[in-house]
Amino acid sequence: MSNSKPSCTPSKQRTVNEDRNADFFDGWGEYHDMVGSLDTYSNSARALDSELAGRVVDVGSGGVVNYDCSRIAELVLVDLSEVKQAGSSWPSCVRPVLGSAVELPLETGGYDCLLMQMVVHHLAERDFATTRERVGQAFREAQRVLRPGGRLVVLESVMPGVLEWAERLAFPLTRRILAWMGHPLVFQWRAASLRRLAVEAGFGTAKESWVPRGRWMIFLGRRMPTALVPVRFVKLVATKAG
């Protein structure tokens, strides 16, 4: 089992919401236990069964490896949180790296697959235009580090289209409410928007499929019945042109 210390600190200063995300997850002692016990993540793990092989990057894992690693030669876990990247027990193929989704401290064209599991909604920052740009930059970084033919795999909770538009309009209010709650800013996309952003980032193809909803999920840091939360779970696979 690997006990490697994380390496490669990002070269740029972290944004306000990146700091909030790192502090929030560092202080969330029950995070790993919740992920391990909720059927949402069991369904996500099954959705990844045929996706991960070769040299793989997992961005924003929070130190969680909830999928089969038998076909993975090298697994690079990239995360903002030094606490979540330290003291965990992983398969021997794991290499932890400190870094941001929008500025991956990794070589160009060296990886077969890049995974973002329940990460994209955390890339929010101050307003919708900035948030959209940050997600686009994260997808461009994924495109950069993947080899030709490599795949970006996104597992994400998504909203219906009308609710995404409502989120856009309510962005300033949402920012204030979440700050009052002590929760980092988040933005839930619709599946079609994520597919469009992947294509804009330079991926040749991008296809989505639905992941079955479990009975429970993590919503705003709490264990919630999925029936009370208006989201679905999507797997988006975008392929870099060869």
C-alpha atoms as a PDB file:
ATOM      1  CA  MET A   1       0.000   0.000   0.000  1.00  0.00           C
ATOM      2  CA  SER A   2       1.236   3.489  -0.788  1.00  0.00           C
ATOM      3  CA  ASN A   3       2.113   6.026   1.891  1.00  0.00           C
ATOM      4  CA  SER A   4       3.660   8.534  -0.505  1.00  0.00           C
ATOM      5  CA  LYS A   5       3.615  12.199   0.395  1.00  0.00           C
ATOM      6  CA  PRO A   6       1.927  14.512  -2.100  1.00  0.00           C
ATOM      7  CA  SER A   7       4.210  16.470  -4.410  1.00  0.00           C
ATOM      8  CA  CYS A   8       4.075  19.244  -7.009  1.00  0.00           C
ATOM      9  CA  THR A   9       2.438  22.274  -5.376  1.00  0.00           C
ATOM     10  CA  PRO A  10       0.503  24.424  -7.910  1.00  0.00           C
ATOM     11  CA  SER A  11       2.502  27.368  -9.254  1.00  0.00           C
ATOM     12  CA  LYS A  12      -0.305  29.923  -8.929  1.00  0.00           C
ATOM     13  CA  GLN A  13      -1.956  31.227  -5.799  1.00  0.00           C
ATOM     14  CA  ARG A  14      -5.239  29.486  -5.040  1.00  0.00           C
ATOM     15  CA  THR A  15      -8.527  31.297  -5.631  1.00  0.00           C
ATOM     16  CA  VAL A  16     -10.920  32.220  -2.831  1.00  0.00           C
ATOM     17  CA  ASN A  17     -13.226  29.265  -3.493  1.00  0.00           C
ATOM     18  CA  GLU A  18     -10.310  26.846  -3.900  1.00  0.00           C
ATOM     19  CA  ASP A  19      -9.204  27.861  -0.394  1.00  0.00           C
ATOM     20  CA  ARG A  20     -12.739  27.353   0.891  1.00  0.00           C
ATOM     21  CA  ASN A  21     -12.964  23.937  -0.739  1.00  0.00           C
ATOM     22  CA  ALA A  22      -9.630  22.829   0.708  1.00  0.00           C
ATOM     23  CA  ASP A  23     -10.541  24.055   4.209  1.00  0.00           C
ATOM     24  CA  PHE A  24     -14.028  22.540   3.996  1.00  0.00           C
ATOM     25  CA  PHE A  25     -12.826  19.071   2.992  1.00  0.00           C
ATOM     26  CA  ASP A  26      -9.853  19.174   5.371  1.00  0.00           C
ATOM     27  CA  GLY A  27     -12.270  19.696   8.252  1.00  0.00           C
ATOM     28  CA  TRP A  28     -14.778  17.081   7.101  1.00  0.00           C
ATOM     29  CA  GLY A  29     -13.702  14.066   9.124  1.00  0.00           C
ATOM     30  CA  GLU A  30     -16.642  11.870   8.039  1.00  0.00           C
ATOM     31  CA  TYR A  31     -16.139  12.393   4.308  1.00  0.00           C
ATOM     32  CA  HIS A  32     -14.423   9.076   3.533  1.00  0.00           C
ATOM     33  CA  ASP A  33     -16.922   7.115   5.627  1.00  0.00           C
ATOM     34  CA  MET A  34     -19.879   8.777   3.906  1.00  0.00           C
ATOM     35  CA  VAL A  35     -18.515   8.079   0.437  1.00  0.00           C
ATOM     36  CA  GLY A  36     -17.894   4.470   1.401  1.00  0.00           C
ATOM     37  CA  SER A  37     -21.421   3.938   2.715  1.00  0.00           C
ATOM     38  CA  LEU A  38     -23.640   5.768   0.199  1.00  0.00           C
ATOM     39  CA  ASP A  39     -25.106   3.870  -2.741  1.00  0.00           C
ATOM     40  CA  THR A  40     -24.590   6.915  -4.988  1.00  0.00           C
ATOM     41  CA  TYR A  41     -20.866   6.243  -4.937  1.00  0.00           C
ATOM     42  CA  SER A  42     -21.371   2.485  -5.320  1.00  0.00           C
ATOM     43  CA  ASN A  43     -23.302   3.200  -8.519  1.00  0.00           C
ATOM     44  CA  SER A  44     -20.573   5.594  -9.650  1.00  0.00           C
ATOM     45  CA  ALA A  45     -17.897   2.958  -9.058  1.00  0.00           C
ATOM     46  CA  ARG A  46     -19.812   0.445 -11.183  1.00  0.00           C
ATOM     47  CA  ALA A  47     -20.145   3.046 -13.945  1.00  0.00           C
ATOM     48  CA  LEU A  48     -16.338   3.265 -14.033  1.00  0.00           C
ATOM     49  CA  ASP A  49     -15.714  -0.477 -14.406  1.00  0.00           C
ATOM     50  CA  SER A  50     -14.848  -0.338 -18.109  1.00  0.00           C
ATOM     51  CA  GLU A  51     -13.348   3.160 -18.203  1.00  0.00           C
ATOM     52  CA  LEU A  52     -10.084   3.250 -16.236  1.00  0.00           C
ATOM     53  CA  ALA A  53      -6.917   1.633 -17.590  1.00  0.00           C
ATOM     54  CA  GLY A  54      -3.264   2.469 -18.217  1.00  0.00           C
ATOM     55  CA  ARG A  55      -1.972   5.774 -16.852  1.00  0.00           C
ATOM     56  CA  VAL A  56      -4.904   7.480 -15.107  1.00  0.00           C
ATOM     57  CA  VAL A  57      -5.334  10.901 -13.465  1.00  0.00           C
ATOM     58  CA  ASP A  58      -8.058  11.335 -10.845  1.00  0.00           C
ATOM     59  CA  VAL A  59      -8.689  15.049 -10.208  1.00  0.00           C
ATOM     60  CA  GLY A  60     -10.267  16.160  -6.934  1.00  0.00           C
ATOM     61  CA  SER A  61     -10.590  12.674  -5.467  1.00  0.00           C
ATOM     62  CA  GLY A  62     -10.337  13.852  -1.861  1.00  0.00           C
ATOM     63  CA  GLY A  63      -8.161  10.809  -1.273  1.00  0.00           C
ATOM     64  CA  VAL A  64     -11.031   8.455  -2.188  1.00  0.00           C
ATOM     65  CA  VAL A  65     -10.328   5.534  -4.521  1.00  0.00           C
ATOM     66  CA  ASN A  66     -13.732   3.843  -4.842  1.00  0.00           C
ATOM     67  CA  TYR A  67     -13.191   1.985  -8.121  1.00  0.00           C
ATOM     68  CA  ASP A  68     -11.369  -1.055  -9.493  1.00  0.00           C
ATOM     69  CA  CYS A  69      -7.655  -0.407 -10.050  1.00  0.00           C
ATOM     70  CA  SER A  70      -6.744  -3.794 -11.552  1.00  0.00           C
ATOM     71  CA  ARG A  71      -6.237  -2.354 -15.074  1.00  0.00           C
ATOM     72  CA  ILE A  72      -4.488   0.824 -13.903  1.00  0.00           C
ATOM     73  CA  ALA A  73      -0.690   0.959 -14.256  1.00  0.00           C
ATOM     74  CA  GLU A  74      -0.314   4.379 -12.601  1.00  0.00           C
ATOM     75  CA  LEU A  75      -2.947   6.399 -10.742  1.00  0.00           C
ATOM     76  CA  VAL A  76      -2.164  10.062 -10.105  1.00  0.00           C
ATOM     77  CA  LEU A  77      -4.455  11.600  -7.468  1.00  0.00           C
ATOM     78  CA  VAL A  78      -4.531  15.385  -7.913  1.00  0.00           C
ATOM     79  CA  ASP A  79      -6.149  17.373  -5.097  1.00  0.00           C
ATOM     80  CA  LEU A  80      -6.062  20.777  -3.388  1.00  0.00           C
ATOM     81  CA  SER A  81      -6.292  19.210   0.048  1.00  0.00           C
ATOM     82  CA  GLU A  82      -3.015  18.162   1.652  1.00  0.00           C
ATOM     83  CA  VAL A  83      -4.886  16.577   4.565  1.00  0.00           C
ATOM     84  CA  LYS A  84      -6.955  14.340   2.291  1.00  0.00           C
ATOM     85  CA  GLN A  85      -3.812  13.445   0.332  1.00  0.00           C
ATOM     86  CA  ALA A  86      -1.812  12.425   3.408  1.00  0.00           C
ATOM     87  CA  GLY A  87      -2.031   9.346   5.581  1.00  0.00           C
ATOM     88  CA  SER A  88      -4.359   7.396   3.287  1.00  0.00           C
ATOM     89  CA  SER A  89      -3.845   3.773   2.245  1.00  0.00           C
ATOM     90  CA  TRP A  90      -4.074   3.231  -1.488  1.00  0.00           C
ATOM     91  CA  PRO A  91      -3.072   0.611  -4.056  1.00  0.00           C
ATOM     92  CA  SER A  92       0.643   0.602  -4.861  1.00  0.00           C
ATOM     93  CA  CYS A  93       0.001   2.261  -8.255  1.00  0.00           C
ATOM     94  CA  VAL A  94      -1.058   5.552  -6.589  1.00  0.00           C
ATOM     95  CA  ARG A  95       0.984   8.757  -6.742  1.00  0.00           C
ATOM     96  CA  PRO A  96      -0.561  11.728  -4.843  1.00  0.00           C
ATOM     97  CA  VAL A  97       0.005  15.214  -6.263  1.00  0.00           C
ATOM     98  CA  LEU A  98      -1.086  18.595  -4.910  1.00  0.00           C
ATOM     99  CA  GLY A  99      -2.704  20.628  -7.655  1.00  0.00           C
ATOM    100  CA  SER A 100      -5.762  22.275  -9.155  1.00  0.00           C
ATOM    101  CA  ALA A 101      -8.076  21.049 -11.919  1.00  0.00           C
ATOM    102  CA  VAL A 102      -7.486  24.310 -13.790  1.00  0.00           C
ATOM    103  CA  GLU A 103      -3.681  24.044 -13.614  1.00  0.00           C
ATOM    104  CA  LEU A 104      -2.599  20.406 -13.563  1.00  0.00           C
ATOM    105  CA  PRO A 105       1.068  19.971 -12.561  1.00  0.00           C
ATOM    106  CA  LEU A 106       1.472  17.125 -15.065  1.00  0.00           C
ATOM    107  CA  GLU A 107       3.235  16.578 -18.372  1.00  0.00           C
ATOM    108  CA  THR A 108       1.485  17.084 -21.689  1.00  0.00           C
ATOM    109  CA  GLY A 109       0.127  14.077 -23.589  1.00  0.00           C
ATOM    110  CA  GLY A 110       1.204  11.464 -21.063  1.00  0.00           C
ATOM    111  CA  TYR A 111      -2.025   9.894 -19.788  1.00  0.00           C
ATOM    112  CA  ASP A 112      -4.684   7.490 -21.035  1.00  0.00           C
ATOM    113  CA  CYS A 113      -7.620   8.662 -18.937  1.00  0.00           C
ATOM    114  CA  LEU A 114      -8.541  11.584 -16.694  1.00  0.00           C
ATOM    115  CA  LEU A 115     -11.365  11.232 -14.165  1.00  0.00           C
ATOM    116  CA  MET A 116     -13.395  13.999 -12.533  1.00  0.00           C
ATOM    117  CA  GLN A 117     -15.836  12.401 -10.088  1.00  0.00           C
ATOM    118  CA  MET A 118     -18.309  14.820  -8.470  1.00  0.00           C
ATOM    119  CA  VAL A 119     -15.789  17.646  -8.943  1.00  0.00           C
ATOM    120  CA  VAL A 120     -17.095  19.982 -11.645  1.00  0.00           C
ATOM    121  CA  HIS A 121     -19.768  21.608  -9.466  1.00  0.00           C
ATOM    122  CA  HIS A 122     -16.989  22.647  -7.048  1.00  0.00           C
ATOM    123  CA  LEU A 123     -15.206  24.721  -9.735  1.00  0.00           C
ATOM    124  CA  ALA A 124     -17.506  27.686  -9.118  1.00  0.00           C
ATOM    125  CA  GLU A 125     -16.050  31.148  -8.500  1.00  0.00           C
ATOM    126  CA  ARG A 126     -17.676  34.573  -7.800  1.00  0.00           C
ATOM    127  CA  ASP A 127     -20.000  34.746 -10.874  1.00  0.00           C
ATOM    128  CA  PHE A 128     -21.348  32.582 -13.679  1.00  0.00           C
ATOM    129  CA  ALA A 129     -18.984  33.861 -16.387  1.00  0.00           C
ATOM    130  CA  THR A 130     -15.934  33.084 -14.246  1.00  0.00           C
ATOM    131  CA  THR A 131     -17.364  29.700 -13.285  1.00  0.00           C
ATOM    132  CA  ARG A 132     -17.955  28.770 -16.928  1.00  0.00           C
ATOM    133  CA  GLU A 133     -14.409  29.807 -17.818  1.00  0.00           C
ATOM    134  CA  ARG A 134     -12.959  27.728 -14.972  1.00  0.00           C
ATOM    135  CA  VAL A 135     -14.804  24.588 -16.069  1.00  0.00           C
ATOM    136  CA  GLY A 136     -13.673  25.219 -19.637  1.00  0.00           C
ATOM    137  CA  GLN A 137     -10.087  25.641 -18.422  1.00  0.00           C
ATOM    138  CA  ALA A 138     -10.297  22.394 -16.418  1.00  0.00           C
ATOM    139  CA  PHE A 139     -11.468  20.539 -19.532  1.00  0.00           C
ATOM    140  CA  ARG A 140      -8.699  22.163 -21.608  1.00  0.00           C
ATOM    141  CA  GLU A 141      -6.152  21.027 -19.021  1.00  0.00           C
ATOM    142  CA  ALA A 142      -7.580  17.510 -19.233  1.00  0.00           C
ATOM    143  CA  GLN A 143      -7.281  17.652 -23.015  1.00  0.00           C
ATOM    144  CA  ARG A 144      -3.664  18.820 -22.700  1.00  0.00           C
ATOM    145  CA  VAL A 145      -2.426  16.030 -20.420  1.00  0.00           C
ATOM    146  CA  LEU A 146      -4.205  13.217 -22.299  1.00  0.00           C
ATOM    147  CA  ARG A 147      -2.542  11.341 -25.141  1.00  0.00           C
ATOM    148  CA  PRO A 148      -4.300  11.274 -28.556  1.00  0.00           C
ATOM    149  CA  GLY A 149      -7.250   8.929 -28.156  1.00  0.00           C
ATOM    150  CA  GLY A 150      -7.241   9.452 -24.384  1.00  0.00           C
ATOM    151  CA  ARG A 151     -10.528   9.963 -22.566  1.00  0.00           C
ATOM    152  CA  LEU A 152     -11.938  12.463 -20.104  1.00  0.00           C
ATOM    153  CA  VAL A 153     -14.472  10.725 -17.842  1.00  0.00           C
ATOM    154  CA  VAL A 154     -16.768  13.017 -15.858  1.00  0.00           C
ATOM    155  CA  LEU A 155     -19.174  11.663 -13.247  1.00  0.00           C
ATOM    156  CA  GLU A 156     -21.356  14.514 -12.063  1.00  0.00           C
ATOM    157  CA  SER A 157     -24.666  15.459 -10.491  1.00  0.00           C
ATOM    158  CA  VAL A 158     -26.606  17.607 -12.966  1.00  0.00           C
ATOM    159  CA  MET A 159     -29.735  19.754 -12.951  1.00  0.00           C
ATOM    160  CA  PRO A 160     -32.587  19.971 -15.475  1.00  0.00           C
ATOM    161  CA  GLY A 161     -32.069  22.813 -17.938  1.00  0.00           C
ATOM    162  CA  VAL A 162     -34.618  25.176 -16.406  1.00  0.00           C
ATOM    163  CA  LEU A 163     -32.982  24.858 -12.970  1.00  0.00           C
ATOM    164  CA  GLU A 164     -29.533  25.563 -14.413  1.00  0.00           C
ATOM    165  CA  TRP A 165     -30.912  28.830 -15.815  1.00  0.00           C
ATOM    166  CA  ALA A 166     -32.469  29.631 -12.436  1.00  0.00           C
ATOM    167  CA  GLU A 167     -29.080  29.042 -10.811  1.00  0.00           C
ATOM    168  CA  ARG A 168     -27.480  31.477 -13.230  1.00  0.00           C
ATOM    169  CA  LEU A 169     -29.996  34.182 -12.366  1.00  0.00           C
ATOM    170  CA  ALA A 170     -29.719  33.507  -8.633  1.00  0.00           C
ATOM    171  CA  PHE A 171     -25.922  33.294  -8.580  1.00  0.00           C
ATOM    172  CA  PRO A 172     -25.315  36.356  -6.349  1.00  0.00           C
ATOM    173  CA  LEU A 173     -27.960  35.186  -3.852  1.00  0.00           C
ATOM    174  CA  THR A 174     -26.632  31.599  -3.866  1.00  0.00           C
ATOM    175  CA  ARG A 175     -23.121  32.882  -3.184  1.00  0.00           C
ATOM    176  CA  ARG A 176     -24.318  34.779  -0.095  1.00  0.00           C
ATOM    177  CA  ILE A 177     -26.445  31.903   1.231  1.00  0.00           C
ATOM    178  CA  LEU A 178     -23.651  29.341   0.900  1.00  0.00           C
ATOM    179  CA  ALA A 179     -21.158  31.711   2.522  1.00  0.00           C
ATOM    180  CA  TRP A 180     -23.573  32.135   5.445  1.00  0.00           C
ATOM    181  CA  MET A 181     -23.849  28.323   5.699  1.00  0.00           C
ATOM    182  CA  GLY A 182     -20.062  27.982   5.718  1.00  0.00           C
ATOM    183  CA  HIS A 183     -20.156  25.906   2.522  1.00  0.00           C
ATOM    184  CA  PRO A 184     -17.964  26.560  -0.550  1.00  0.00           C
ATOM    185  CA  LEU A 185     -19.664  27.968  -3.629  1.00  0.00           C
ATOM    186  CA  VAL A 186     -21.036  25.331  -6.012  1.00  0.00           C
ATOM    187  CA  PHE A 187     -22.826  25.388  -9.361  1.00  0.00           C
ATOM    188  CA  GLN A 188     -24.808  22.425 -10.721  1.00  0.00           C
ATOM    189  CA  TRP A 189     -24.690  22.141 -14.524  1.00  0.00           C
ATOM    190  CA  ARG A 190     -27.012  20.359 -16.906  1.00  0.00           C
ATOM    191  CA  ALA A 191     -25.573  17.446 -18.891  1.00  0.00           C
ATOM    192  CA  ALA A 192     -25.817  19.215 -22.261  1.00  0.00           C
ATOM    193  CA  SER A 193     -23.773  22.159 -20.966  1.00  0.00           C
ATOM    194  CA  LEU A 194     -20.956  19.862 -19.830  1.00  0.00           C
ATOM    195  CA  ARG A 195     -20.944  18.096 -23.196  1.00  0.00           C
ATOM    196  CA  ARG A 196     -20.741  21.456 -24.987  1.00  0.00           C
ATOM    197  CA  LEU A 197     -17.875  22.644 -22.781  1.00  0.00           C
ATOM    198  CA  ALA A 198     -15.937  19.439 -23.475  1.00  0.00           C
ATOM    199  CA  VAL A 199     -16.319  19.899 -27.235  1.00  0.00           C
ATOM    200  CA  GLU A 200     -15.291  23.551 -26.930  1.00  0.00           C
ATOM    201  CA  ALA A 201     -12.183  22.410 -25.038  1.00  0.00           C
ATOM    202  CA  GLY A 202     -11.058  20.453 -28.082  1.00  0.00           C
ATOM    203  CA  PHE A 203     -12.371  16.939 -27.521  1.00  0.00           C
ATOM    204  CA  GLY A 204     -13.393  15.241 -30.750  1.00  0.00           C
ATOM    205  CA  THR A 205     -16.402  13.425 -29.336  1.00  0.00           C
ATOM    206  CA  ALA A 206     -18.352  13.638 -26.083  1.00  0.00           C
ATOM    207  CA  LYS A 207     -21.137  11.248 -25.115  1.00  0.00           C
ATOM    208  CA  GLU A 208     -23.174  10.986 -21.933  1.00  0.00           C
ATOM    209  CA  SER A 209     -25.058   8.166 -20.241  1.00  0.00           C
ATOM    210  CA  TRP A 210     -27.118   8.168 -17.065  1.00  0.00           C
ATOM    211  CA  VAL A 211     -25.916   6.570 -13.844  1.00  0.00           C
ATOM    212  CA  PRO A 212     -28.685   5.061 -11.645  1.00  0.00           C
ATOM    213  CA  ARG A 213     -29.605   7.178  -8.656  1.00  0.00           C
ATOM    214  CA  GLY A 214     -29.167   5.532  -5.305  1.00  0.00           C
ATOM    215  CA  ARG A 215     -31.288   6.232  -2.272  1.00  0.00           C
ATOM    216  CA  TRP A 216     -28.757   8.571  -0.669  1.00  0.00           C
ATOM    217  CA  MET A 217     -26.309  11.240  -1.763  1.00  0.00           C
ATOM    218  CA  ILE A 218     -24.110  13.980  -0.342  1.00  0.00           C
ATOM    219  CA  PHE A 219     -25.736  17.379  -0.849  1.00  0.00           C
ATOM    220  CA  LEU A 220     -24.218  20.546   0.627  1.00  0.00           C
ATOM    221  CA  GLY A 221     -22.137  18.426   2.970  1.00  0.00           C
ATOM    222  CA  ARG A 222     -25.087  16.411   4.294  1.00  0.00           C
ATOM    223  CA  ARG A 223     -26.424  12.911   3.775  1.00  0.00           C
ATOM    224  CA  MET A 224     -29.689  13.417   1.885  1.00  0.00           C
ATOM    225  CA  PRO A 225     -32.299  11.157   0.264  1.00  0.00           C
ATOM    226  CA  THR A 226     -31.928  11.561  -3.495  1.00  0.00           C
ATOM    227  CA  ALA A 227     -35.723  11.828  -3.778  1.00  0.00           C
ATOM    228  CA  LEU A 228     -35.512  15.253  -2.111  1.00  0.00           C
ATOM    229  CA  VAL A 229     -32.794  16.640  -4.410  1.00  0.00           C
ATOM    230  CA  PRO A 230     -33.611  17.576  -8.039  1.00  0.00           C
ATOM    231  CA  VAL A 231     -30.475  16.116  -9.622  1.00  0.00           C
ATOM    232  CA  ARG A 232     -29.555  13.178 -11.831  1.00  0.00           C
ATOM    233  CA  PHE A 233     -26.154  11.551 -12.221  1.00  0.00           C
ATOM    234  CA  VAL A 234     -24.415  11.508 -15.577  1.00  0.00           C
ATOM    235  CA  LYS A 235     -21.287   9.920 -16.967  1.00  0.00           C
ATOM    236  CA  LEU A 236     -19.730  12.010 -19.726  1.00  0.00           C
ATOM    237  CA  VAL A 237     -16.938  10.423 -21.782  1.00  0.00           C
ATOM    238  CA  ALA A 238     -15.043  12.792 -24.077  1.00  0.00           C
ATOM    239  CA  THR A 239     -12.318  11.469 -26.397  1.00  0.00           C
ATOM    240  CA  LYS A 240      -9.271  13.423 -27.504  1.00  0.00           C
ATOM    241  CA  ALA A 241      -8.796  13.335 -31.274  1.00  0.00           C
ATOM    242  CA  GLY A 242      -6.038  11.009 -32.432  1.00  0.00           C
END
